C-alpha atoms as a PDB file:
ATOM      1  CA  UNK A   1      92.818 103.248 116.352  1.00  0.00           C
ATOM      2  CA  UNK A   2      95.079 100.843 115.649  1.00  0.00           C
ATOM      3  CA  UNK A   3      98.642 101.803 113.868  1.00  0.00           C
ATOM      4  CA  UNK A   4      99.905 100.758 110.279  1.00  0.00           C
ATOM      5  CA  UNK A   5      96.920  99.650 108.575  1.00  0.00           C
ATOM      6  CA  UNK A   6      97.932  98.271 105.484  1.00  0.00           C
ATOM      7  CA  UNK A   7      97.379 100.480 102.379  1.00  0.00           C
ATOM      8  CA  UNK A   8      94.795  99.279  99.778  1.00  0.00           C
ATOM      9  CA  UNK A   9      93.595 100.312  96.349  1.00  0.00           C
ATOM     10  CA  UNK A  10      90.654 102.748  95.495  1.00  0.00           C
ATOM     11  CA  UNK A  11      88.410 103.916  93.386  1.00  0.00           C
ATOM     12  CA  UNK A  12      89.480 104.733  90.022  1.00  0.00           C
ATOM     13  CA  UNK A  13      90.140 108.954  89.717  1.00  0.00           C
ATOM     14  CA  UNK A  14      88.828 110.604  87.011  1.00  0.00           C
ATOM     15  CA  UNK A  15      91.871 111.833  84.417  1.00  0.00           C
ATOM     16  CA  UNK A  16      90.735 115.340  84.876  1.00  0.00           C
ATOM     17  CA  UNK A  17      92.075 114.710  88.833  1.00  0.00           C
ATOM     18  CA  UNK A  18      95.138 113.660  88.020  1.00  0.00           C
ATOM     19  CA  UNK A  19      96.125 115.586  85.645  1.00  0.00           C
ATOM     20  CA  UNK A  20      95.483 118.766  88.156  1.00  0.00           C
ATOM     21  CA  UNK A  21      97.725 116.675  90.671  1.00  0.00           C
ATOM     22  CA  UNK A  22     100.190 116.139  88.541  1.00  0.00           C
ATOM     23  CA  UNK A  23      99.690 119.903  87.763  1.00  0.00           C
ATOM     24  CA  UNK A  24     100.379 121.454  91.513  1.00  0.00           C
ATOM     25  CA  UNK A  25     102.570 118.648  92.608  1.00  0.00           C
ATOM     26  CA  UNK A  26     105.091 119.968  89.183  1.00  0.00           C
ATOM     27  CA  UNK A  27     104.225 123.782  90.068  1.00  0.00           C
ATOM     28  CA  UNK A  28     107.410 124.970  92.797  1.00  0.00           C
ATOM     29  CA  UNK A  29     104.882 127.677  94.170  1.00  0.00           C
ATOM     30  CA  UNK A  30     102.104 125.284  95.138  1.00  0.00           C
ATOM     31  CA  UNK A  31     101.929 123.309  98.794  1.00  0.00           C
ATOM     32  CA  UNK A  32     101.250 119.696  96.517  1.00  0.00           C
ATOM     33  CA  UNK A  33     104.361 117.866  97.734  1.00  0.00           C
ATOM     34  CA  UNK A  34     103.125 114.475  96.967  1.00  0.00           C
ATOM     35  CA  UNK A  35     101.440 112.403  94.456  1.00  0.00           C
ATOM     36  CA  UNK A  36      99.003 109.025  95.513  1.00  0.00           C
ATOM     37  CA  UNK A  37      97.900 107.315  92.945  1.00  0.00           C
ATOM     38  CA  UNK A  38      96.238 103.859  93.170  1.00  0.00           C
ATOM     39  CA  UNK A  39      96.924 100.607  91.225  1.00  0.00           C
ATOM     40  CA  UNK A  40      93.882 100.426  88.254  1.00  0.00           C
ATOM     41  CA  UNK A  41      94.209 103.911  88.004  1.00  0.00           C
ATOM     42  CA  UNK A  42      95.138 104.914  84.467  1.00  0.00           C
ATOM     43  CA  UNK A  43      98.661 107.148  84.897  1.00  0.00           C
ATOM     44  CA  UNK A  44      98.867 109.783  82.294  1.00  0.00           C
ATOM     45  CA  UNK A  45     102.595 111.253  80.883  1.00  0.00           C
ATOM     46  CA  UNK A  46     103.190 114.977  82.410  1.00  0.00           C
ATOM     47  CA  UNK A  47     106.620 116.419  82.051  1.00  0.00           C
ATOM     48  CA  UNK A  48     108.269 116.992  85.284  1.00  0.00           C
ATOM     49  CA  UNK A  49     106.919 114.487  87.437  1.00  0.00           C
ATOM     50  CA  UNK A  50     110.274 112.376  88.625  1.00  0.00           C
ATOM     51  CA  UNK A  51     110.697 109.233  90.414  1.00  0.00           C
ATOM     52  CA  UNK A  52     107.159 107.791  91.259  1.00  0.00           C
ATOM     53  CA  UNK A  53     107.557 104.923  93.337  1.00  0.00           C
ATOM     54  CA  UNK A  54     105.865 101.935  92.904  1.00  0.00           C
ATOM     55  CA  UNK A  55     103.892  99.502  96.055  1.00  0.00           C
ATOM     56  CA  UNK A  56     101.519  97.010  96.357  1.00  0.00           C
ATOM     57  CA  UNK A  57      97.923  98.950  96.406  1.00  0.00           C
ATOM     58  CA  UNK A  58      99.526 101.988  94.276  1.00  0.00           C
ATOM     59  CA  UNK A  59     102.292 104.773  92.967  1.00  0.00           C
ATOM     60  CA  UNK A  60     103.806 107.692  94.636  1.00  0.00           C
ATOM     61  CA  UNK A  61     105.824 110.752  93.364  1.00  0.00           C
ATOM     62  CA  UNK A  62     107.400 112.143  96.378  1.00  0.00           C
ATOM     63  CA  UNK A  63     110.488 112.715  97.528  1.00  0.00           C
ATOM     64  CA  UNK A  64     112.723 109.560  97.677  1.00  0.00           C
ATOM     65  CA  UNK A  65     112.762 110.541 102.101  1.00  0.00           C
ATOM     66  CA  UNK A  66     108.963 110.271 101.784  1.00  0.00           C
ATOM     67  CA  UNK A  67     109.237 107.242  99.491  1.00  0.00           C
ATOM     68  CA  UNK A  68     110.982 105.362 102.054  1.00  0.00           C
ATOM     69  CA  UNK A  69     109.053 106.546 104.668  1.00  0.00           C
ATOM     70  CA  UNK A  70     106.283 105.173 103.228  1.00  0.00           C
ATOM     71  CA  UNK A  71     108.723 101.627 102.130  1.00  0.00           C
ATOM     72  CA  UNK A  72     109.757 101.360 105.636  1.00  0.00           C
ATOM     73  CA  UNK A  73     105.484 101.558 106.941  1.00  0.00           C
ATOM     74  CA  UNK A  74     102.973 100.816 103.577  1.00  0.00           C
ATOM     75  CA  UNK A  75     100.564 102.201 105.864  1.00  0.00           C
ATOM     76  CA  UNK A  76      97.264 104.257 105.583  1.00  0.00           C
ATOM     77  CA  UNK A  77      98.750 106.161 108.754  1.00  0.00           C
ATOM     78  CA  UNK A  78     101.878 107.042 106.781  1.00  0.00           C
ATOM     79  CA  UNK A  79     100.436 108.076 103.531  1.00  0.00           C
ATOM     80  CA  UNK A  80      98.269 109.751 104.977  1.00  0.00           C
ATOM     81  CA  UNK A  81     100.905 112.544 106.907  1.00  0.00           C
ATOM     82  CA  UNK A  82     102.822 112.199 103.287  1.00  0.00           C
ATOM     83  CA  UNK A  83      99.943 113.525 101.612  1.00  0.00           C
ATOM     84  CA  UNK A  84      99.147 115.884 104.382  1.00  0.00           C
ATOM     85  CA  UNK A  85      95.897 114.383 105.793  1.00  0.00           C
ATOM     86  CA  UNK A  86      94.852 115.402 109.435  1.00  0.00           C
ATOM     87  CA  UNK A  87      93.565 111.712 109.909  1.00  0.00           C
ATOM     88  CA  UNK A  88      93.831 108.656 107.701  1.00  0.00           C
ATOM     89  CA  UNK A  89      91.480 106.804 105.885  1.00  0.00           C
ATOM     90  CA  UNK A  90      91.362 104.195 108.832  1.00  0.00           C
ATOM     91  CA  UNK A  91      90.234 106.479 110.898  1.00  0.00           C
ATOM     92  CA  UNK A  92      86.536 105.926 109.737  1.00  0.00           C
ATOM     93  CA  UNK A  93      86.650 102.271 109.583  1.00  0.00           C
ATOM     94  CA  UNK A  94      84.627 102.393 112.517  1.00  0.00           C
ATOM     95  CA  UNK A  95      82.032 104.396 110.809  1.00  0.00           C
ATOM     96  CA  UNK A  96      79.609 103.539 108.080  1.00  0.00           C
ATOM     97  CA  UNK A  97      81.950 106.061 104.814  1.00  0.00           C
ATOM     98  CA  UNK A  98      78.947 107.268 104.088  1.00  0.00           C
ATOM     99  CA  UNK A  99      79.071 109.381 107.852  1.00  0.00           C
ATOM    100  CA  UNK A 100      82.124 111.100 106.982  1.00  0.00           C
ATOM    101  CA  UNK A 101      82.827 114.379 105.493  1.00  0.00           C
ATOM    102  CA  UNK A 102      84.761 114.743 101.974  1.00  0.00           C
ATOM    103  CA  UNK A 103      87.158 117.874 101.803  1.00  0.00           C
ATOM    104  CA  UNK A 104      88.107 118.165  98.185  1.00  0.00           C
ATOM    105  CA  UNK A 105      90.483 121.298  96.411  1.00  0.00           C
ATOM    106  CA  UNK A 106      89.686 121.680  93.675  1.00  0.00           C
ATOM    107  CA  UNK A 107      91.032 124.202  90.371  1.00  0.00           C
ATOM    108  CA  UNK A 108      89.668 126.579  88.342  1.00  0.00           C
ATOM    109  CA  UNK A 109      88.413 123.920  85.924  1.00  0.00           C
ATOM    110  CA  UNK A 110      86.859 121.832  89.148  1.00  0.00           C
ATOM    111  CA  UNK A 111      89.265 119.274  89.145  1.00  0.00           C
ATOM    112  CA  UNK A 112      90.463 117.528  92.268  1.00  0.00           C
ATOM    113  CA  UNK A 113      93.635 118.658  93.581  1.00  0.00           C
ATOM    114  CA  UNK A 114      93.675 117.082  97.310  1.00  0.00           C
ATOM    115  CA  UNK A 115      91.024 114.889  98.463  1.00  0.00           C
ATOM    116  CA  UNK A 116      90.592 113.525 102.292  1.00  0.00           C
ATOM    117  CA  UNK A 117      88.207 112.072 104.503  1.00  0.00           C
ATOM    118  CA  UNK A 118      88.347 113.000 107.793  1.00  0.00           C
ATOM    119  CA  UNK A 119      86.022 113.104 110.464  1.00  0.00           C
ATOM    120  CA  UNK A 120      83.479 116.136 111.431  1.00  0.00           C
ATOM    121  CA  UNK A 121      85.440 117.158 114.823  1.00  0.00           C
ATOM    122  CA  UNK A 122      88.659 117.787 112.675  1.00  0.00           C
ATOM    123  CA  UNK A 123      86.200 119.209 109.214  1.00  0.00           C
ATOM    124  CA  UNK A 124      87.114 122.911 109.574  1.00  0.00           C
ATOM    125  CA  UNK A 125      90.520 121.734 110.093  1.00  0.00           C
ATOM    126  CA  UNK A 126      91.126 120.345 107.204  1.00  0.00           C
ATOM    127  CA  UNK A 127      88.476 122.781 105.091  1.00  0.00           C
ATOM    128  CA  UNK A 128      90.869 125.375 105.743  1.00  0.00           C
ATOM    129  CA  UNK A 129      94.004 123.109 104.757  1.00  0.00           C
ATOM    130  CA  UNK A 130      92.432 122.467 101.385  1.00  0.00           C
ATOM    131  CA  UNK A 131      92.386 125.740 100.861  1.00  0.00           C
ATOM    132  CA  UNK A 132      95.934 126.394 100.133  1.00  0.00           C
ATOM    133  CA  UNK A 133      95.337 123.766  97.296  1.00  0.00           C
ATOM    134  CA  UNK A 134      92.081 125.061  96.107  1.00  0.00           C
ATOM    135  CA  UNK A 135      88.371 125.532  95.549  1.00  0.00           C
ATOM    136  CA  UNK A 136      86.974 123.773  98.867  1.00  0.00           C
ATOM    137  CA  UNK A 137      84.318 121.280  98.178  1.00  0.00           C
ATOM    138  CA  UNK A 138      82.843 119.207 100.896  1.00  0.00           C
ATOM    139  CA  UNK A 139      80.646 115.765  99.680  1.00  0.00           C
ATOM    140  CA  UNK A 140      79.895 112.599 101.181  1.00  0.00           C
ATOM    141  CA  UNK A 141      81.828 109.455  99.741  1.00  0.00           C
ATOM    142  CA  UNK A 142      78.825 108.383  98.145  1.00  0.00           C
ATOM    143  CA  UNK A 143      79.342 111.754  96.360  1.00  0.00           C
ATOM    144  CA  UNK A 144      82.397 111.694  95.385  1.00  0.00           C
ATOM    145  CA  UNK A 145      82.075 108.310  93.673  1.00  0.00           C
ATOM    146  CA  UNK A 146      79.800 108.982  91.853  1.00  0.00           C
ATOM    147  CA  UNK A 147      81.479 112.346  90.529  1.00  0.00           C
ATOM    148  CA  UNK A 148      84.314 109.911  89.706  1.00  0.00           C
ATOM    149  CA  UNK A 149      81.997 107.337  88.340  1.00  0.00           C
ATOM    150  CA  UNK A 150      80.231 110.441  85.800  1.00  0.00           C
ATOM    151  CA  UNK A 151      83.903 111.724  84.686  1.00  0.00           C
ATOM    152  CA  UNK A 152      85.326 108.272  84.123  1.00  0.00           C
ATOM    153  CA  UNK A 153      82.452 107.514  81.588  1.00  0.00           C
ATOM    154  CA  UNK A 154      82.538 111.142  80.524  1.00  0.00           C
ATOM    155  CA  UNK A 155      86.398 110.604  79.832  1.00  0.00           C
ATOM    156  CA  UNK A 156      85.864 107.105  78.362  1.00  0.00           C
ATOM    157  CA  UNK A 157      83.041 107.907  76.084  1.00  0.00           C
ATOM    158  CA  UNK A 158      85.649 111.001  74.379  1.00  0.00           C
ATOM    159  CA  UNK A 159      87.993 109.443  73.990  1.00  0.00           C
ATOM    160  CA  UNK A 160      85.884 106.641  71.727  1.00  0.00           C
ATOM    161  CA  UNK A 161      84.159 109.913  69.673  1.00  0.00           C
ATOM    162  CA  UNK A 162      81.295 109.718  71.344  1.00  0.00           C
ATOM    163  CA  UNK A 163      79.852 112.763  73.261  1.00  0.00           C
ATOM    164  CA  UNK A 164      79.489 112.089  76.983  1.00  0.00           C
ATOM    165  CA  UNK A 165      76.529 113.615  78.768  1.00  0.00           C
ATOM    166  CA  UNK A 166      77.207 116.135  81.199  1.00  0.00           C
ATOM    167  CA  UNK A 167      76.342 115.246  84.652  1.00  0.00           C
END
């Protein structure tokens, strides 16, 4: 696996997932210690988030030390370490993304607090880690992207005053 895979933008996340991550990050009792938001994702205001660090591929909320670590090596590998992922996204480049499991932890409202793609060999370990963040779900990448698109469409319809269809 090559080291120092440059950070890249990912698909936009739904507002409910971002709000769940921000709530977890600002809760001193929650284990979430960093939030990454890819460029192109609208960022809601949330009190107490602290400093936002800007990178070419996105934005990071974390300690100054963690932000400097990422600044020194703007890579998928470093970001994975900061976000508590067992494996970086760069690991999956050798196989189709549909093959790898995506481990999510969701809050009581079903919003994603933690999401990491991993190899099948480490899926059990990733699920145990994710359980610290919320209710564990295992999906494929197409299922993750479909969920995101459905929720974003519903949020946009609701913002326009049109009732979105449940997905």
